[in-house]
Protein backbone atom coordinates (compact mmCIF):
# COMPACT_ATOMS: atom_id res chain seq x y z
CA UNK A 1 101.81 73.39 118.23
CA UNK A 2 102.67 75.00 114.89
CA UNK A 3 103.24 78.75 114.75
CA UNK A 4 99.94 80.63 114.90
CA UNK A 5 100.78 84.23 114.00
CA UNK A 6 101.87 85.27 110.52
CA UNK A 7 102.49 88.64 108.92
CA UNK A 8 99.10 89.97 110.00
CA UNK A 9 97.63 87.99 112.88
CA UNK A 10 96.30 84.44 112.59
CA UNK A 11 94.94 83.45 109.19
CA UNK A 12 93.81 80.38 107.26
CA UNK A 13 90.88 78.49 105.80
CA UNK A 14 87.81 78.45 108.06
CA UNK A 15 87.28 75.17 109.96
CA UNK A 16 90.82 74.03 109.20
CA UNK A 17 93.58 74.51 111.80
CA UNK A 18 94.37 77.11 113.00
CA UNK A 19 91.14 78.84 111.97
CA UNK A 20 88.71 76.68 113.95
CA UNK A 21 86.15 77.73 116.54
CA UNK A 22 88.01 75.75 119.20
CA UNK A 23 91.29 77.54 118.46
CA UNK A 24 89.55 80.93 118.36
CA UNK A 25 88.14 80.25 121.83
CA UNK A 26 91.61 79.34 123.11
CA UNK A 27 93.15 82.41 121.48
CA UNK A 28 90.42 84.61 122.97
CA UNK A 29 91.04 83.22 126.46
CA UNK A 30 94.82 83.65 126.10
CA UNK A 31 94.77 87.19 124.73
CA UNK A 32 92.16 88.18 127.31
CA UNK A 33 94.37 86.85 130.08
CA UNK A 34 97.38 88.67 128.64
CA UNK A 35 95.64 92.06 128.58
CA UNK A 36 93.69 91.64 131.80
CA UNK A 37 95.41 93.98 134.22
CA UNK A 38 95.19 92.96 137.86
CA UNK A 39 93.65 95.55 140.14
CA UNK A 40 91.56 97.14 137.38
CA UNK A 41 87.82 96.80 137.91
CA UNK A 42 86.64 96.82 134.28
CA UNK A 43 88.33 95.13 131.33
CA UNK A 44 87.06 95.92 127.87
CA UNK A 45 87.66 94.58 124.36
CA UNK A 46 86.10 95.64 121.05
CA UNK A 47 85.51 93.11 118.26
CA UNK A 48 84.87 93.99 114.63
CA UNK A 49 84.53 91.75 111.60
CA UNK A 50 84.11 91.79 107.85
CA UNK A 51 81.27 90.11 105.94
CA UNK A 52 82.49 86.48 105.69
CA UNK A 53 80.01 83.81 106.72
CA UNK A 54 82.53 82.32 109.14
CA UNK A 55 82.72 85.66 110.94
CA UNK A 56 79.66 84.73 113.00
CA UNK A 57 81.38 81.57 114.22
CA UNK A 58 84.62 83.29 115.15
CA UNK A 59 82.85 86.25 116.75
CA UNK A 60 80.99 83.88 119.08
CA UNK A 61 84.05 81.75 119.83
CA UNK A 62 86.27 84.74 120.59
CA UNK A 63 83.54 86.26 122.75
CA UNK A 64 83.34 83.04 124.76
CA UNK A 65 87.09 82.92 125.27
CA UNK A 66 87.41 86.59 126.15
CA UNK A 67 84.51 86.65 128.60
CA UNK A 68 85.85 83.48 130.25
CA UNK A 69 89.01 85.45 131.03
CA UNK A 70 87.04 88.32 132.58
CA UNK A 71 86.88 90.66 129.58
CA UNK A 72 83.75 92.65 128.75
CA UNK A 73 83.18 92.42 125.01
CA UNK A 74 81.81 95.22 122.82
CA UNK A 75 80.64 93.87 119.45
CA UNK A 76 80.97 96.38 116.62
CA UNK A 77 79.59 94.20 113.82
CA UNK A 78 80.90 94.64 110.24
CA UNK A 79 83.34 97.57 110.26
CA UNK A 80 86.66 98.29 108.51
CA UNK A 81 89.87 97.21 110.22
CA UNK A 82 90.93 100.84 110.84
CA UNK A 83 87.65 101.39 112.70
CA UNK A 84 88.74 98.77 115.23
CA UNK A 85 92.04 100.55 115.79
CA UNK A 86 90.20 103.85 116.18
CA UNK A 87 87.48 102.58 118.52
CA UNK A 88 89.88 100.55 120.65
CA UNK A 89 91.58 103.77 121.60
CA UNK A 90 88.56 106.08 121.74
CA UNK A 91 86.51 103.64 123.85
CA UNK A 92 89.44 103.15 126.27
CA UNK A 93 89.49 99.41 125.59
CA UNK A 94 92.30 97.13 126.71
CA UNK A 95 92.28 95.30 123.39
CA UNK A 96 90.83 95.40 119.87
CA UNK A 97 90.10 92.39 117.66
CA UNK A 98 89.35 92.31 113.93
CA UNK A 99 88.00 89.14 112.35
CA UNK A 100 89.04 89.28 108.71
CA UNK A 101 91.30 87.71 106.11
CA UNK A 102 91.56 91.05 104.30
CA UNK A 103 91.95 90.48 100.55
CA UNK A 104 91.80 86.66 100.75
CA UNK A 105 88.83 84.69 99.34
CA UNK A 106 85.67 84.11 101.36
CA UNK A 107 86.59 80.64 102.64
CA UNK A 108 89.56 82.13 104.52
CA UNK A 109 89.38 84.13 107.71
CA UNK A 110 91.76 85.65 110.21
CA UNK A 111 92.10 87.26 113.62
CA UNK A 112 94.25 90.34 114.19
CA UNK A 113 94.74 92.32 117.37
CA UNK A 114 95.22 95.93 118.41
CA UNK A 115 96.67 97.08 121.71
CA UNK A 116 95.04 99.78 123.88
CA UNK A 117 96.91 102.44 121.88
CA UNK A 118 95.12 101.35 118.69
CA UNK A 119 98.26 99.91 117.07
CA UNK A 120 98.78 96.30 116.01
CA UNK A 121 100.69 94.05 118.38
CA UNK A 122 104.43 93.50 118.06
CA UNK A 123 106.05 90.18 117.20
CA UNK A 124 107.18 89.85 120.81
CA UNK A 125 103.67 90.28 122.25
CA UNK A 126 102.26 87.84 119.69
CA UNK A 127 104.89 85.28 120.69
CA UNK A 128 103.94 85.64 124.36
CA UNK A 129 100.24 85.20 123.52
CA UNK A 130 101.09 82.16 121.41
CA UNK A 131 102.85 80.63 124.41
CA UNK A 132 99.75 81.20 126.53
CA UNK A 133 97.61 79.47 123.90
CA UNK A 134 99.93 76.47 123.97
CA UNK A 135 100.08 76.27 127.78
CA UNK A 136 96.43 77.10 128.46
CA UNK A 137 95.17 79.72 130.88
CA UNK A 138 93.22 79.54 134.10
CA UNK A 139 89.67 80.85 133.78
CA UNK A 140 88.34 83.51 136.16
CA UNK A 141 85.90 82.68 138.91
CA UNK A 142 82.22 82.67 137.97
CA UNK A 143 81.42 86.13 139.45
CA UNK A 144 84.20 87.66 137.32
CA UNK A 145 83.04 86.34 133.93
CA UNK A 146 82.70 89.18 131.43
CA UNK A 147 79.62 90.47 129.63
CA UNK A 148 78.98 91.02 125.91
CA UNK A 149 77.19 94.01 124.41
CA UNK A 150 76.52 95.06 120.82
CA UNK A 151 77.46 98.64 119.85
CA UNK A 152 74.93 99.97 117.35
CA UNK A 153 76.59 103.22 116.26
CA UNK A 154 80.13 102.01 115.52
CA UNK A 155 79.78 102.67 111.77
CA UNK A 156 78.68 106.26 112.35
CA UNK A 157 81.50 106.92 114.80
CA UNK A 158 83.96 105.74 112.16
CA UNK A 159 82.40 107.82 109.37
CA UNK A 160 82.70 110.98 111.44
CA UNK A 161 86.35 110.21 112.24
CA UNK A 162 87.19 109.61 108.57
CA UNK A 163 85.43 112.81 107.51
CA UNK A 164 87.37 114.77 110.12
CA UNK A 165 90.57 113.99 108.17
CA UNK A 166 89.11 115.75 105.11
CA UNK A 167 89.60 119.55 104.81
CA UNK A 168 86.65 121.13 106.59
CA UNK A 169 86.11 123.88 104.02
CA UNK A 170 86.19 121.48 101.06
CA UNK A 171 83.36 119.62 99.32
CA UNK A 172 83.18 116.99 96.58
CA UNK A 173 80.15 118.43 94.77
CA UNK A 174 81.77 118.38 91.33
CA UNK A 175 83.17 114.83 91.48
CA UNK A 176 81.58 111.57 90.38
CA UNK A 177 83.21 108.69 92.24
CA UNK A 178 82.97 104.94 91.65
CA UNK A 179 83.49 103.21 95.00
CA UNK A 180 84.04 99.44 95.00
CA UNK A 181 83.69 98.05 98.53
CA UNK A 182 84.58 94.43 97.64
CA UNK A 183 81.33 93.22 99.26
CA UNK A 184 83.24 93.71 102.47
CA UNK A 185 83.39 95.63 105.70
CA UNK A 186 83.05 99.12 104.16
CA UNK A 187 79.92 98.42 102.09
CA UNK A 188 77.89 100.85 104.26
CA UNK A 189 80.42 103.38 105.48
CA UNK A 190 82.36 104.19 102.30
CA UNK A 191 79.45 105.22 100.02
CA UNK A 192 77.84 107.11 102.90
CA UNK A 193 80.99 109.10 103.75
CA UNK A 194 81.47 110.09 100.11
CA UNK A 195 77.81 111.09 99.75
CA UNK A 196 77.90 113.18 102.93
CA UNK A 197 80.90 115.08 101.52
CA UNK A 198 78.90 115.92 98.39
CA UNK A 199 80.19 113.45 95.81
CA UNK A 200 78.00 111.78 93.21
CA UNK A 201 78.51 108.15 94.22
CA UNK A 202 78.44 105.06 92.00
CA UNK A 203 78.59 102.16 94.50
CA UNK A 204 79.85 98.67 93.65
CA UNK A 205 80.49 95.60 95.78
CA UNK A 206 77.88 96.64 98.34
CA UNK A 207 75.77 93.46 98.43
CA UNK A 208 77.62 91.01 100.69
CA UNK A 209 76.11 87.54 101.13
CA UNK A 210 78.84 85.92 103.22
CA UNK A 211 80.43 84.24 100.22
CA UNK A 212 81.23 87.01 97.71
CA UNK A 213 83.76 89.15 99.58
CA UNK A 214 86.66 90.06 97.22
CA UNK A 215 85.06 87.93 94.49
CA UNK A 216 85.94 89.59 91.15
CA UNK A 217 85.82 92.98 92.87
CA UNK A 218 87.71 95.27 95.19
CA UNK A 219 91.37 96.23 95.26
CA UNK A 220 92.61 92.82 94.08
CA UNK A 221 90.21 92.78 91.10
CA UNK A 222 89.80 96.42 89.99
CA UNK A 223 88.83 95.57 86.40
CA UNK A 224 85.06 95.88 86.95
CA UNK A 225 85.45 99.23 88.71
CA UNK A 226 87.70 100.45 85.88
CA UNK A 227 84.99 99.60 83.37
CA UNK A 228 82.40 101.36 85.54
CA UNK A 229 84.49 104.53 85.73
CA UNK A 230 84.56 104.76 81.95
CA UNK A 231 80.91 103.71 81.48
CA UNK A 232 79.62 106.28 83.99
CA UNK A 233 82.01 109.06 82.96
CA UNK A 234 83.31 109.15 86.54
CA UNK A 235 86.24 111.28 87.63
CA UNK A 236 87.90 108.58 89.70
CA UNK A 237 87.45 105.07 91.06
CA UNK A 238 88.27 103.93 94.60
CA UNK A 239 88.67 100.19 95.20
CA UNK A 240 88.87 98.87 98.76
CA UNK A 241 89.66 95.35 99.92
CA UNK A 242 87.55 93.13 102.17
CA UNK A 243 88.43 94.88 105.42
CA UNK A 244 89.02 98.31 103.82
CA UNK A 245 92.54 98.85 105.08
CA UNK A 246 93.94 99.21 101.55
CA UNK A 247 92.99 101.15 98.44
CA UNK A 248 93.66 101.03 94.71
CA UNK A 249 92.82 104.14 92.68
CA UNK A 250 91.56 104.31 89.08
CA UNK A 251 91.81 107.38 86.88
CA UNK A 252 89.10 108.79 84.60
CA UNK A 253 90.38 106.70 81.68
CA UNK A 254 90.06 103.42 83.58
CA UNK A 255 93.79 103.08 84.23
CA UNK A 256 94.72 101.45 87.54
CA UNK A 257 97.23 103.18 89.82
CA UNK A 258 99.07 101.67 92.74
CA UNK A 259 100.18 102.58 96.24
CA UNK A 260 103.63 103.75 95.11
CA UNK A 261 102.23 106.50 92.89
CA UNK A 262 99.86 107.66 95.63
CA UNK A 263 102.65 107.71 98.24
CA UNK A 264 104.84 109.72 95.88
CA UNK A 265 102.03 112.26 95.44
CA UNK A 266 101.43 112.63 99.18
CA UNK A 267 105.12 112.69 100.10
CA UNK A 268 105.83 115.49 97.62
CA UNK A 269 102.78 117.44 98.74
CA UNK A 270 103.49 117.09 102.43
CA UNK A 271 107.17 117.92 101.94
CA UNK A 272 106.22 121.12 100.10
CA UNK A 273 104.00 122.04 103.04
CA UNK A 274 106.74 121.04 105.54
CA UNK A 275 104.40 118.38 106.94
CA UNK A 276 106.46 115.30 106.03
CA UNK A 277 108.08 114.20 109.27
CA UNK A 278 111.79 113.43 108.93
CA UNK A 279 111.69 114.16 105.19
CA UNK A 280 111.10 110.44 104.70
CA UNK A 281 108.53 107.97 103.46
CA UNK A 282 108.36 104.45 104.89
CA UNK A 283 107.57 101.64 102.44
CA UNK A 284 108.39 97.97 102.01
CA UNK A 285 110.95 96.11 99.94
CA UNK A 286 108.22 95.63 97.29
CA UNK A 287 108.01 99.32 96.39
CA UNK A 288 109.37 100.27 92.98
CA UNK A 289 112.87 101.65 92.51
CA UNK A 290 111.24 104.49 90.60
CA UNK A 291 109.63 105.67 93.85
CA UNK A 292 113.01 105.74 95.55
CA UNK A 293 114.51 107.76 92.71
CA UNK A 294 111.52 110.16 92.74
CA UNK A 295 112.09 110.87 96.43
CA UNK A 296 115.86 111.23 96.09
CA UNK A 297 115.38 113.82 93.35
CA UNK A 298 113.44 115.91 95.89
CA UNK A 299 115.87 115.49 98.75
CA UNK A 300 113.65 112.95 100.49
CA UNK A 301 114.41 109.44 101.76
CA UNK A 302 112.74 106.06 101.36
CA UNK A 303 112.91 103.88 104.47
CA UNK A 304 112.29 100.24 103.50
CA UNK A 305 110.85 97.54 105.75
CA UNK A 306 109.77 93.91 105.51
CA UNK A 307 106.45 93.29 103.76
CA UNK A 308 103.42 93.99 105.95
CA UNK A 309 101.77 97.22 107.01
CA UNK A 310 102.50 96.31 110.64
CA UNK A 311 106.24 96.57 109.95
CA UNK A 312 105.72 99.85 108.14
CA UNK A 313 103.90 101.27 111.17
CA UNK A 314 106.56 99.98 113.57
CA UNK A 315 109.29 101.77 111.59
CA UNK A 316 107.18 104.92 111.40
CA UNK A 317 106.76 104.94 115.17
CA UNK A 318 110.44 104.21 115.78
CA UNK A 319 111.60 107.04 113.52
CA UNK A 320 108.80 109.52 114.18
CA UNK A 321 107.61 109.41 110.55
CA UNK A 322 104.01 110.16 109.59
CA UNK A 323 103.59 108.74 106.07
CA UNK A 324 104.12 105.19 104.88
CA UNK A 325 102.53 102.28 103.13
CA UNK A 326 102.76 99.49 100.62
CA UNK A 327 102.61 99.25 96.86
CA UNK A 328 99.55 97.00 97.32
CA UNK A 329 97.56 99.93 98.68
CA UNK A 330 98.04 100.01 102.44
CA UNK A 331 98.48 103.73 103.12
CA UNK A 332 99.33 104.75 106.67
CA UNK A 333 98.98 108.36 107.82
CA UNK A 334 99.65 108.38 111.55
CA UNK A 335 98.48 111.99 111.84
CA UNK A 336 95.00 110.53 111.30
CA UNK A 337 95.00 106.76 111.97
CA UNK A 338 96.95 103.93 113.60
CA UNK A 339 96.85 101.56 110.64
CA UNK A 340 96.22 101.51 106.91
CA UNK A 341 92.86 103.06 106.01
CA UNK A 342 91.69 102.71 102.42
CA UNK A 343 88.75 105.08 102.69
CA UNK A 344 90.76 107.78 104.44
CA UNK A 345 93.50 107.51 101.82
CA UNK A 346 90.90 107.75 99.07
CA UNK A 347 89.52 110.93 100.60
CA UNK A 348 93.01 112.43 100.76
CA UNK A 349 93.40 111.75 97.04
CA UNK A 350 90.04 113.37 96.29
CA UNK A 351 91.07 116.38 98.37
CA UNK A 352 94.21 116.71 96.26
CA UNK A 353 92.14 116.52 93.07
CA UNK A 354 89.97 119.40 94.31
CA UNK A 355 92.86 121.45 95.73
CA UNK A 356 95.06 121.14 92.65
CA UNK A 357 92.14 121.14 90.17
CA UNK A 358 93.82 118.28 88.30
CA UNK A 359 92.53 115.04 86.83
CA UNK A 360 93.17 111.72 88.51
CA UNK A 361 95.33 110.61 85.57
CA UNK A 362 97.75 113.47 86.22
CA UNK A 363 97.99 112.80 89.94
CA UNK A 364 98.43 109.05 89.56
CA UNK A 365 101.51 109.39 87.38
CA UNK A 366 104.17 110.94 89.60
CA UNK A 367 107.09 108.91 88.23
CA UNK A 368 107.95 106.36 85.56
CA UNK A 369 108.26 103.01 87.35
CA UNK A 370 111.21 100.74 86.73
CA UNK A 371 109.84 97.61 84.99
CA UNK A 372 108.76 95.19 87.69
CA UNK A 373 107.50 91.62 87.48
CA UNK A 374 105.94 89.54 90.25
CA UNK A 375 104.95 85.88 90.01
CA UNK A 376 103.65 83.53 92.71
CA UNK A 377 104.13 79.79 93.18
CA UNK A 378 101.83 77.90 95.55
CA UNK A 379 103.30 75.16 97.72
CA UNK A 380 101.81 72.46 99.92
CA UNK A 381 101.75 71.90 103.66
CA UNK A 382 105.17 70.99 105.03
CA UNK A 383 107.02 71.97 101.87
CA UNK A 384 110.04 74.30 102.07
CA UNK A 385 110.94 75.00 98.43
CA UNK A 386 113.31 77.86 99.22
CA UNK A 387 115.58 75.43 101.09
CA UNK A 388 116.10 73.22 98.02
CA UNK A 389 119.62 73.36 96.46
CA UNK A 390 118.29 73.68 92.90
CA UNK A 391 116.12 76.64 93.94
CA UNK A 392 118.97 78.34 95.75
CA UNK A 393 121.19 77.86 92.69
CA UNK A 394 118.53 79.39 90.41
CA UNK A 395 118.17 82.35 92.76
CA UNK A 396 121.94 82.94 92.82
CA UNK A 397 122.12 82.81 89.03
CA UNK A 398 119.20 85.25 88.64
CA UNK A 399 120.72 87.67 91.16
CA UNK A 400 123.98 87.64 89.22
CA UNK A 401 122.19 88.38 85.94
CA UNK A 402 120.26 91.32 87.42
CA UNK A 403 123.11 92.81 89.45
CA UNK A 404 124.00 96.40 88.69
CA UNK A 405 120.78 97.40 86.98
CA UNK A 406 118.05 95.99 89.20
CA UNK A 407 117.21 93.64 92.01
CA UNK A 408 115.59 90.30 92.83
CA UNK A 409 113.35 89.69 95.83
CA UNK A 410 112.25 86.18 96.86
CA UNK A 411 110.03 85.66 99.88
CA UNK A 412 107.33 83.47 101.36
CA UNK A 413 103.99 85.16 101.79
CA UNK A 414 103.02 85.77 105.39
CA UNK A 415 99.31 85.27 104.67
CA UNK A 416 99.13 82.48 102.05
CA UNK A 417 101.20 79.36 101.14
CA UNK A 418 102.94 81.18 98.28
CA UNK A 419 106.50 81.89 97.24
CA UNK A 420 106.62 85.36 95.72
CA UNK A 421 109.27 86.02 93.07
CA UNK A 422 109.74 89.70 92.21
CA UNK A 423 112.34 91.44 90.09
CA UNK A 424 113.04 94.94 88.80
CA UNK A 425 115.30 95.89 85.89
CA UNK A 426 115.39 98.40 83.07
CA UNK A 427 115.80 95.46 80.66
CA UNK A 428 112.34 93.88 80.77
CA UNK A 429 113.35 90.81 78.78
CA UNK A 430 116.29 90.06 81.06
CA UNK A 431 114.06 90.56 84.08
CA UNK A 432 111.41 88.16 82.73
CA UNK A 433 114.01 85.46 82.05
CA UNK A 434 115.39 85.79 85.58
CA UNK A 435 111.95 85.56 87.21
CA UNK A 436 110.86 82.65 85.03
CA UNK A 437 114.01 80.68 85.85
CA UNK A 438 113.37 81.00 89.58
CA UNK A 439 109.66 80.25 89.20
CA UNK A 440 110.48 77.12 87.21
CA UNK A 441 112.93 75.91 89.86
CA UNK A 442 110.44 76.51 92.69
CA UNK A 443 107.64 74.81 90.73
CA UNK A 444 109.79 71.75 90.06
CA UNK A 445 110.69 71.44 93.75
CA UNK A 446 107.02 71.68 94.75
CA UNK A 447 105.96 69.05 92.21
CA UNK A 448 108.80 66.63 93.00
């Protein structure tokens, strides 16, 4: 059996291996068996999902597998990924499951898991579950089969938790906010939370039909929200992705910010208040060199990890840090949540706008980024372009050209069949030539 788990759970095109109903049932049975503790009378798992059509299929298949292993299933319906982490812990569940492919198009779907502490599973635990899927598990006896129950107030529980992270004495009465929910899991909760805090809300991407999640909207396509900010004279735009665990912010002029600028803002603020644990921010290898220099100038450190918010959280927990994230918009604040939470991060930004009485454009420009260029090359099943001698030679040549004044990062995506080629250098023309040379070599190997 090919490897199931990637950077963030199991992911792929619906009805194509591994994202089939049959495999979801087997995964449900295996993960249920793994977390079923002998001697405990009640075993409980919560399942959330985003708004993809295939979510119904996977919800039913996972429920069948989990109940066959003796787990009682609590169905949350469409909720953000961070809500699953929150409710897994608050409802004393043994396991949490989120059915979502995050920012991917509607035909994709995925399954990611949270342990009883509300944090995503480690690589080691995923490997052990994968082995159980391959070997098969013994079902429980008929009297021990689990039950399934739908939880009707999961969205409201999550809204109250998110609002509790916002300063109690503060309101958003003077702010007009465009909120783009990507036709995804936050299409109810995000506009409602903002409205309850007093903001004038301009909602977008709140009409999911099973097929339009992330389609020309949300954090991966912020252009429409940027236009809406300008057209409505809004103070700020907040763009979430399909499962609302990441955020991209837009200033009052329609300019798009990124996670690095937001993390710089929060790190400096928290450090000034002596709230930044370990005087460090945790981010991935994709974060801009300008962020690292910004932190160093303030006596702070940047701890880098592999790409994936799960690896960011693991490093945060290992080092006792409380702020981390990704340039792509995953923002993790472990004082408030166990995973990236786009809505919660957006509220923290709004709180800073109110507290500092400054425009979004001022807050979203904390440092001048080093020029950075990222290009992707798609490859086919079974292809390993990074192993090709011509590709390796092109990479070595590009690294030599960029040495001293920048860096080159080549990696395979953990969620899609893509090779990502990223470079940073003060000389933008040199950087572009280096990236294009590697992209050309990878493309030629894929087409050969």
